């Protein structure tokens, strides 16, 4: 099995090779869509990011303190 990666444009639902490469007559594959406009996401502070991670990992205060101690120890 061989793989081919080409940059494409989508025009009215039709996929067109963007560069000099041509698309195979018949094939299957995966297509990643890159949006032209970036979605504006609100920047969060490092403390907010840490709190979000702590919540995601389900760390209570004791487990968070234990984790922070292990990180400090690892940095030595």
PDB file of N, CA and C in Angstrom:
ATOM      1  N   UNK A   1       0.847  -1.175   0.000  1.00  0.00           N
ATOM      2  CA  UNK A   1       0.000   0.000   0.000  1.00  0.00           C
ATOM      3  C   UNK A   1       0.889   1.233   0.000  1.00  0.00           C
ATOM      4  N   UNK A   2       0.563   2.222  -0.793  1.00  0.00           N
ATOM      5  CA  UNK A   2       1.332   3.456  -0.820  1.00  0.00           C
ATOM      6  C   UNK A   2       0.438   4.618  -0.398  1.00  0.00           C
ATOM      7  N   UNK A   3       1.069   5.687   0.037  1.00  0.00           N
ATOM      8  CA  UNK A   3       0.344   6.862   0.506  1.00  0.00           C
ATOM      9  C   UNK A   3       0.763   8.071  -0.301  1.00  0.00           C
ATOM     10  N   UNK A   4      -0.156   8.981  -0.510  1.00  0.00           N
ATOM     11  CA  UNK A   4       0.102  10.192  -1.255  1.00  0.00           C
ATOM     12  C   UNK A   4      -0.534  11.346  -0.493  1.00  0.00           C
ATOM     13  N   UNK A   5       0.228  12.390  -0.251  1.00  0.00           N
ATOM     14  CA  UNK A   5      -0.304  13.578   0.404  1.00  0.00           C
ATOM     15  C   UNK A   5      -0.176  14.740  -0.558  1.00  0.00           C
ATOM     16  N   UNK A   6      -1.271  15.383  -0.842  1.00  0.00           N
ATOM     17  CA  UNK A   6      -1.251  16.544  -1.728  1.00  0.00           C
ATOM     18  C   UNK A   6      -2.054  17.666  -1.095  1.00  0.00           C
ATOM     19  N   UNK A   7      -1.672  18.896  -1.393  1.00  0.00           N
ATOM     20  CA  UNK A   7      -2.430  20.048  -0.926  1.00  0.00           C
ATOM     21  C   UNK A   7      -3.591  20.238  -1.894  1.00  0.00           C
ATOM     22  N   UNK A   8      -4.772  20.434  -1.350  1.00  0.00           N
ATOM     23  CA  UNK A   8      -5.959  20.559  -2.198  1.00  0.00           C
ATOM     24  C   UNK A   8      -6.724  21.831  -1.859  1.00  0.00           C
ATOM     25  N   UNK A   9      -7.550  22.239  -2.802  1.00  0.00           N
ATOM     26  CA  UNK A   9      -8.517  23.303  -2.592  1.00  0.00           C
ATOM     27  C   UNK A   9      -9.897  22.692  -2.801  1.00  0.00           C
ATOM     28  N   UNK A  10     -10.866  23.216  -2.113  1.00  0.00           N
ATOM     29  CA  UNK A  10     -12.240  22.759  -2.306  1.00  0.00           C
ATOM     30  C   UNK A  10     -13.007  23.914  -2.934  1.00  0.00           C
ATOM     31  N   UNK A  11     -13.606  23.652  -4.074  1.00  0.00           N
ATOM     32  CA  UNK A  11     -14.356  24.677  -4.787  1.00  0.00           C
ATOM     33  C   UNK A  11     -15.760  24.148  -5.045  1.00  0.00           C
ATOM     34  N   UNK A  12     -16.715  24.714  -4.366  1.00  0.00           N
ATOM     35  CA  UNK A  12     -18.116  24.300  -4.490  1.00  0.00           C
ATOM     36  C   UNK A  12     -18.273  22.789  -4.284  1.00  0.00           C
ATOM     37  N   UNK A  13     -17.565  22.259  -3.289  1.00  0.00           N
ATOM     38  CA  UNK A  13     -17.683  20.850  -2.957  1.00  0.00           C
ATOM     39  C   UNK A  13     -16.805  19.920  -3.770  1.00  0.00           C
ATOM     40  N   UNK A  14     -16.072  20.449  -4.730  1.00  0.00           N
ATOM     41  CA  UNK A  14     -15.179  19.630  -5.549  1.00  0.00           C
ATOM     42  C   UNK A  14     -13.747  19.800  -5.054  1.00  0.00           C
ATOM     43  N   UNK A  15     -13.030  18.692  -4.907  1.00  0.00           N
ATOM     44  CA  UNK A  15     -11.654  18.708  -4.423  1.00  0.00           C
ATOM     45  C   UNK A  15     -10.716  18.818  -5.619  1.00  0.00           C
ATOM     46  N   UNK A  16      -9.849  19.848  -5.587  1.00  0.00           N
ATOM     47  CA  UNK A  16      -8.911  20.091  -6.680  1.00  0.00           C
ATOM     48  C   UNK A  16      -7.497  20.097  -6.131  1.00  0.00           C
ATOM     49  N   UNK A  17      -6.574  19.430  -6.814  1.00  0.00           N
ATOM     50  CA  UNK A  17      -5.171  19.463  -6.404  1.00  0.00           C
ATOM     51  C   UNK A  17      -4.673  20.898  -6.537  1.00  0.00           C
ATOM     52  N   UNK A  18      -3.993  21.410  -5.520  1.00  0.00           N
ATOM     53  CA  UNK A  18      -3.546  22.801  -5.523  1.00  0.00           C
ATOM     54  C   UNK A  18      -2.214  22.968  -6.263  1.00  0.00           C
ATOM     55  N   UNK A  19      -1.340  22.004  -6.164  1.00  0.00           N
ATOM     56  CA  UNK A  19      -0.026  22.118  -6.783  1.00  0.00           C
ATOM     57  C   UNK A  19       0.040  21.380  -8.105  1.00  0.00           C
ATOM     58  N   UNK A  20       1.253  21.009  -8.483  1.00  0.00           N
ATOM     59  CA  UNK A  20       1.482  20.306  -9.745  1.00  0.00           C
ATOM     60  C   UNK A  20       1.057  18.835  -9.666  1.00  0.00           C
ATOM     61  N   UNK A  21       0.888  18.332  -8.439  1.00  0.00           N
ATOM     62  CA  UNK A  21       0.504  16.935  -8.280  1.00  0.00           C
ATOM     63  C   UNK A  21      -0.914  16.722  -8.825  1.00  0.00           C
ATOM     64  N   UNK A  22      -1.153  15.569  -9.353  1.00  0.00           N
ATOM     65  CA  UNK A  22      -2.512  15.257  -9.789  1.00  0.00           C
ATOM     66  C   UNK A  22      -3.097  14.223  -8.843  1.00  0.00           C
ATOM     67  N   UNK A  23      -4.389  14.275  -8.704  1.00  0.00           N
ATOM     68  CA  UNK A  23      -5.066  13.303  -7.855  1.00  0.00           C
ATOM     69  C   UNK A  23      -5.233  12.001  -8.613  1.00  0.00           C
ATOM     70  N   UNK A  24      -5.186  10.870  -7.914  1.00  0.00           N
ATOM     71  CA  UNK A  24      -5.379   9.587  -8.586  1.00  0.00           C
ATOM     72  C   UNK A  24      -6.785   9.502  -9.186  1.00  0.00           C
ATOM     73  N   UNK A  25      -6.919   8.713 -10.219  1.00  0.00           N
ATOM     74  CA  UNK A  25      -8.216   8.536 -10.871  1.00  0.00           C
ATOM     75  C   UNK A  25      -9.252   7.990  -9.883  1.00  0.00           C
ATOM     76  N   UNK A  26      -8.832   7.028  -9.068  1.00  0.00           N
ATOM     77  CA  UNK A  26      -9.733   6.437  -8.079  1.00  0.00           C
ATOM     78  C   UNK A  26      -8.910   6.107  -6.844  1.00  0.00           C
ATOM     79  N   UNK A  27      -9.359   6.519  -5.676  1.00  0.00           N
ATOM     80  CA  UNK A  27      -8.616   6.262  -4.447  1.00  0.00           C
ATOM     81  C   UNK A  27      -9.507   6.541  -3.254  1.00  0.00           C
ATOM     82  N   UNK A  28      -9.029   6.169  -2.088  1.00  0.00           N
ATOM     83  CA  UNK A  28      -9.697   6.558  -0.847  1.00  0.00           C
ATOM     84  C   UNK A  28      -8.647   7.210   0.030  1.00  0.00           C
ATOM     85  N   UNK A  29      -9.077   8.029   0.973  1.00  0.00           N
ATOM     86  CA  UNK A  29      -8.105   8.709   1.814  1.00  0.00           C
ATOM     87  C   UNK A  29      -8.790   9.536   2.883  1.00  0.00           C
ATOM     88  N   UNK A  30      -7.990  10.316   3.546  1.00  0.00           N
ATOM     89  CA  UNK A  30      -8.472  11.205   4.583  1.00  0.00           C
ATOM     90  C   UNK A  30      -8.194  12.634   4.157  1.00  0.00           C
ATOM     91  N   UNK A  31      -9.087  13.531   4.480  1.00  0.00           N
ATOM     92  CA  UNK A  31      -8.938  14.931   4.116  1.00  0.00           C
ATOM     93  C   UNK A  31      -9.029  15.762   5.382  1.00  0.00           C
ATOM     94  N   UNK A  32      -8.049  16.617   5.607  1.00  0.00           N
ATOM     95  CA  UNK A  32      -8.068  17.539   6.743  1.00  0.00           C
ATOM     96  C   UNK A  32      -8.453  18.912   6.223  1.00  0.00           C
ATOM     97  N   UNK A  33      -9.447  19.514   6.830  1.00  0.00           N
ATOM     98  CA  UNK A  33      -9.920  20.824   6.403  1.00  0.00           C
ATOM     99  C   UNK A  33      -9.279  21.898   7.271  1.00  0.00           C
ATOM    100  N   UNK A  34      -8.598  22.847   6.646  1.00  0.00           N
ATOM    101  CA  UNK A  34      -8.027  23.996   7.340  1.00  0.00           C
ATOM    102  C   UNK A  34      -8.921  25.185   7.034  1.00  0.00           C
ATOM    103  N   UNK A  35      -9.518  25.751   8.057  1.00  0.00           N
ATOM    104  CA  UNK A  35     -10.392  26.894   7.866  1.00  0.00           C
ATOM    105  C   UNK A  35      -9.574  28.133   7.521  1.00  0.00           C
ATOM    106  N   UNK A  36     -10.079  28.944   6.632  1.00  0.00           N
ATOM    107  CA  UNK A  36      -9.385  30.164   6.230  1.00  0.00           C
ATOM    108  C   UNK A  36      -9.338  31.171   7.375  1.00  0.00           C
ATOM    109  N   UNK A  37     -10.376  31.229   8.184  1.00  0.00           N
ATOM    110  CA  UNK A  37     -10.438  32.174   9.284  1.00  0.00           C
ATOM    111  C   UNK A  37     -10.213  31.438  10.596  1.00  0.00           C
ATOM    112  N   UNK A  38      -9.310  31.973  11.390  1.00  0.00           N
ATOM    113  CA  UNK A  38      -9.043  31.375  12.696  1.00  0.00           C
ATOM    114  C   UNK A  38     -10.187  31.732  13.643  1.00  0.00           C
ATOM    115  N   UNK A  39     -10.544  30.785  14.466  1.00  0.00           N
ATOM    116  CA  UNK A  39     -11.567  31.027  15.474  1.00  0.00           C
ATOM    117  C   UNK A  39     -10.932  31.779  16.629  1.00  0.00           C
ATOM    118  N   UNK A  40     -11.522  32.881  17.013  1.00  0.00           N
ATOM    119  CA  UNK A  40     -10.991  33.658  18.133  1.00  0.00           C
ATOM    120  C   UNK A  40     -11.327  32.961  19.434  1.00  0.00           C
ATOM    121  N   UNK A  41     -10.308  32.535  20.130  1.00  0.00           N
ATOM    122  CA  UNK A  41     -10.527  31.938  21.437  1.00  0.00           C
ATOM    123  C   UNK A  41      -9.972  32.894  22.479  1.00  0.00           C
ATOM    124  N   UNK A  42     -10.718  33.055  23.530  1.00  0.00           N
ATOM    125  CA  UNK A  42     -10.296  33.975  24.581  1.00  0.00           C
ATOM    126  C   UNK A  42      -9.049  33.419  25.262  1.00  0.00           C
ATOM    127  N   UNK A  43      -8.053  34.263  25.396  1.00  0.00           N
ATOM    128  CA  UNK A  43      -6.832  33.852  26.071  1.00  0.00           C
ATOM    129  C   UNK A  43      -7.120  33.682  27.563  1.00  0.00           C
ATOM    130  N   UNK A  44      -6.557  32.639  28.138  1.00  0.00           N
ATOM    131  CA  UNK A  44      -6.747  32.419  29.569  1.00  0.00           C
ATOM    132  C   UNK A  44      -5.405  32.572  30.270  1.00  0.00           C
ATOM    133  N   UNK A  45      -5.474  32.903  31.520  1.00  0.00           N
ATOM    134  CA  UNK A  45      -4.245  33.099  32.289  1.00  0.00           C
ATOM    135  C   UNK A  45      -3.641  31.737  32.635  1.00  0.00           C
ATOM    136  N   UNK A  46      -2.360  31.716  32.971  1.00  0.00           N
ATOM    137  CA  UNK A  46      -1.744  30.451  33.384  1.00  0.00           C
ATOM    138  C   UNK A  46      -2.467  29.833  34.581  1.00  0.00           C
ATOM    139  N   UNK A  47      -2.944  30.662  35.502  1.00  0.00           N
ATOM    140  CA  UNK A  47      -3.661  30.134  36.670  1.00  0.00           C
ATOM    141  C   UNK A  47      -4.975  29.488  36.237  1.00  0.00           C
ATOM    142  N   UNK A  48      -5.686  30.099  35.300  1.00  0.00           N
ATOM    143  CA  UNK A  48      -6.922  29.511  34.799  1.00  0.00           C
ATOM    144  C   UNK A  48      -6.646  28.195  34.087  1.00  0.00           C
ATOM    145  N   UNK A  49      -5.555  28.138  33.329  1.00  0.00           N
ATOM    146  CA  UNK A  49      -5.184  26.904  32.638  1.00  0.00           C
ATOM    147  C   UNK A  49      -4.868  25.805  33.646  1.00  0.00           C
ATOM    148  N   UNK A  50      -4.143  26.158  34.705  1.00  0.00           N
ATOM    149  CA  UNK A  50      -3.813  25.180  35.739  1.00  0.00           C
ATOM    150  C   UNK A  50      -5.068  24.691  36.451  1.00  0.00           C
ATOM    151  N   UNK A  51      -5.973  25.600  36.764  1.00  0.00           N
ATOM    152  CA  UNK A  51      -7.220  25.202  37.422  1.00  0.00           C
ATOM    153  C   UNK A  51      -8.051  24.294  36.525  1.00  0.00           C
ATOM    154  N   UNK A  52      -8.075  24.594  35.229  1.00  0.00           N
ATOM    155  CA  UNK A  52      -8.798  23.758  34.281  1.00  0.00           C
ATOM    156  C   UNK A  52      -8.193  22.361  34.204  1.00  0.00           C
ATOM    157  N   UNK A  53      -6.858  22.292  34.168  1.00  0.00           N
ATOM    158  CA  UNK A  53      -6.179  21.000  34.154  1.00  0.00           C
ATOM    159  C   UNK A  53      -6.458  20.229  35.432  1.00  0.00           C
ATOM    160  N   UNK A  54      -6.405  20.918  36.562  1.00  0.00           N
ATOM    161  CA  UNK A  54      -6.674  20.276  37.854  1.00  0.00           C
ATOM    162  C   UNK A  54      -8.085  19.695  37.878  1.00  0.00           C
ATOM    163  N   UNK A  55      -9.048  20.451  37.359  1.00  0.00           N
ATOM    164  CA  UNK A  55     -10.433  19.977  37.316  1.00  0.00           C
ATOM    165  C   UNK A  55     -10.560  18.786  36.374  1.00  0.00           C
ATOM    166  N   UNK A  56      -9.900  18.873  35.198  1.00  0.00           N
ATOM    167  CA  UNK A  56      -9.960  17.790  34.215  1.00  0.00           C
ATOM    168  C   UNK A  56      -9.367  16.493  34.782  1.00  0.00           C
ATOM    169  N   UNK A  57      -8.278  16.615  35.529  1.00  0.00           N
ATOM    170  CA  UNK A  57      -7.627  15.441  36.111  1.00  0.00           C
ATOM    171  C   UNK A  57      -8.274  14.997  37.417  1.00  0.00           C
ATOM    172  N   UNK A  58      -9.300  15.737  37.847  1.00  0.00           N
ATOM    173  CA  UNK A  58     -10.032  15.438  39.089  1.00  0.00           C
ATOM    174  C   UNK A  58      -9.095  15.383  40.293  1.00  0.00           C
ATOM    175  N   UNK A  59      -8.264  16.419  40.401  1.00  0.00           N
ATOM    176  CA  UNK A  59      -7.337  16.501  41.521  1.00  0.00           C
ATOM    177  C   UNK A  59      -7.948  17.377  42.612  1.00  0.00           C
ATOM    178  N   UNK A  60      -8.102  16.815  43.808  1.00  0.00           N
ATOM    179  CA  UNK A  60      -8.519  17.652  44.932  1.00  0.00           C
ATOM    180  C   UNK A  60      -7.281  18.385  45.442  1.00  0.00           C
ATOM    181  N   UNK A  61      -7.438  19.205  46.459  1.00  0.00           N
ATOM    182  CA  UNK A  61      -6.323  20.028  46.946  1.00  0.00           C
ATOM    183  C   UNK A  61      -5.131  19.175  47.381  1.00  0.00           C
ATOM    184  N   UNK A  62      -5.388  18.067  48.066  1.00  0.00           N
ATOM    185  CA  UNK A  62      -4.301  17.201  48.546  1.00  0.00           C
ATOM    186  C   UNK A  62      -3.567  16.551  47.372  1.00  0.00           C
ATOM    187  N   UNK A  63      -4.317  16.034  46.402  1.00  0.00           N
ATOM    188  CA  UNK A  63      -3.687  15.397  45.245  1.00  0.00           C
ATOM    189  C   UNK A  63      -2.930  16.422  44.404  1.00  0.00           C
ATOM    190  N   UNK A  64      -3.461  17.654  44.303  1.00  0.00           N
ATOM    191  CA  UNK A  64      -2.776  18.706  43.560  1.00  0.00           C
ATOM    192  C   UNK A  64      -1.456  19.060  44.236  1.00  0.00           C
ATOM    193  N   UNK A  65      -1.460  19.151  45.570  1.00  0.00           N
ATOM    194  CA  UNK A  65      -0.227  19.459  46.299  1.00  0.00           C
ATOM    195  C   UNK A  65       0.795  18.340  46.116  1.00  0.00           C
ATOM    196  N   UNK A  66       0.333  17.102  46.145  1.00  0.00           N
ATOM    197  CA  UNK A  66       1.225  15.949  45.938  1.00  0.00           C
ATOM    198  C   UNK A  66       1.822  15.983  44.530  1.00  0.00           C
ATOM    199  N   UNK A  67       0.994  16.313  43.539  1.00  0.00           N
ATOM    200  CA  UNK A  67       1.460  16.397  42.166  1.00  0.00           C
ATOM    201  C   UNK A  67       2.494  17.510  42.019  1.00  0.00           C
ATOM    202  N   UNK A  68       2.223  18.686  42.608  1.00  0.00           N
ATOM    203  CA  UNK A  68       3.171  19.799  42.530  1.00  0.00           C
ATOM    204  C   UNK A  68       4.499  19.436  43.180  1.00  0.00           C
ATOM    205  N   UNK A  69       4.449  18.707  44.296  1.00  0.00           N
ATOM    206  CA  UNK A  69       5.694  18.274  44.970  1.00  0.00           C
ATOM    207  C   UNK A  69       6.481  17.322  44.064  1.00  0.00           C
ATOM    208  N   UNK A  70       5.784  16.432  43.396  1.00  0.00           N
ATOM    209  CA  UNK A  70       6.488  15.492  42.507  1.00  0.00           C
ATOM    210  C   UNK A  70       7.106  16.225  41.317  1.00  0.00           C
ATOM    211  N   UNK A  71       6.458  17.271  40.834  1.00  0.00           N
ATOM    212  CA  UNK A  71       7.022  18.052  39.735  1.00  0.00           C
ATOM    213  C   UNK A  71       8.267  18.795  40.225  1.00  0.00           C
ATOM    214  N   UNK A  72       8.182  19.399  41.414  1.00  0.00           N
ATOM    215  CA  UNK A  72       9.357  20.090  41.975  1.00  0.00           C
ATOM    216  C   UNK A  72      10.522  19.136  42.139  1.00  0.00           C
ATOM    217  N   UNK A  73      10.248  17.939  42.631  1.00  0.00           N
ATOM    218  CA  UNK A  73      11.290  16.931  42.852  1.00  0.00           C
ATOM    219  C   UNK A  73      11.901  16.510  41.519  1.00  0.00           C
ATOM    220  N   UNK A  74      11.084  16.376  40.505  1.00  0.00           N
ATOM    221  CA  UNK A  74      11.571  15.949  39.192  1.00  0.00           C
ATOM    222  C   UNK A  74      12.474  17.014  38.569  1.00  0.00           C
ATOM    223  N   UNK A  75      12.237  18.279  38.894  1.00  0.00           N
ATOM    224  CA  UNK A  75      13.031  19.370  38.314  1.00  0.00           C
ATOM    225  C   UNK A  75      14.410  19.485  38.948  1.00  0.00           C
ATOM    226  N   UNK A  76      14.636  18.854  40.077  1.00  0.00           N
ATOM    227  CA  UNK A  76      15.944  18.948  40.770  1.00  0.00           C
ATOM    228  C   UNK A  76      16.982  18.150  40.093  1.00  0.00           C
TER     229      UNK A  76
END
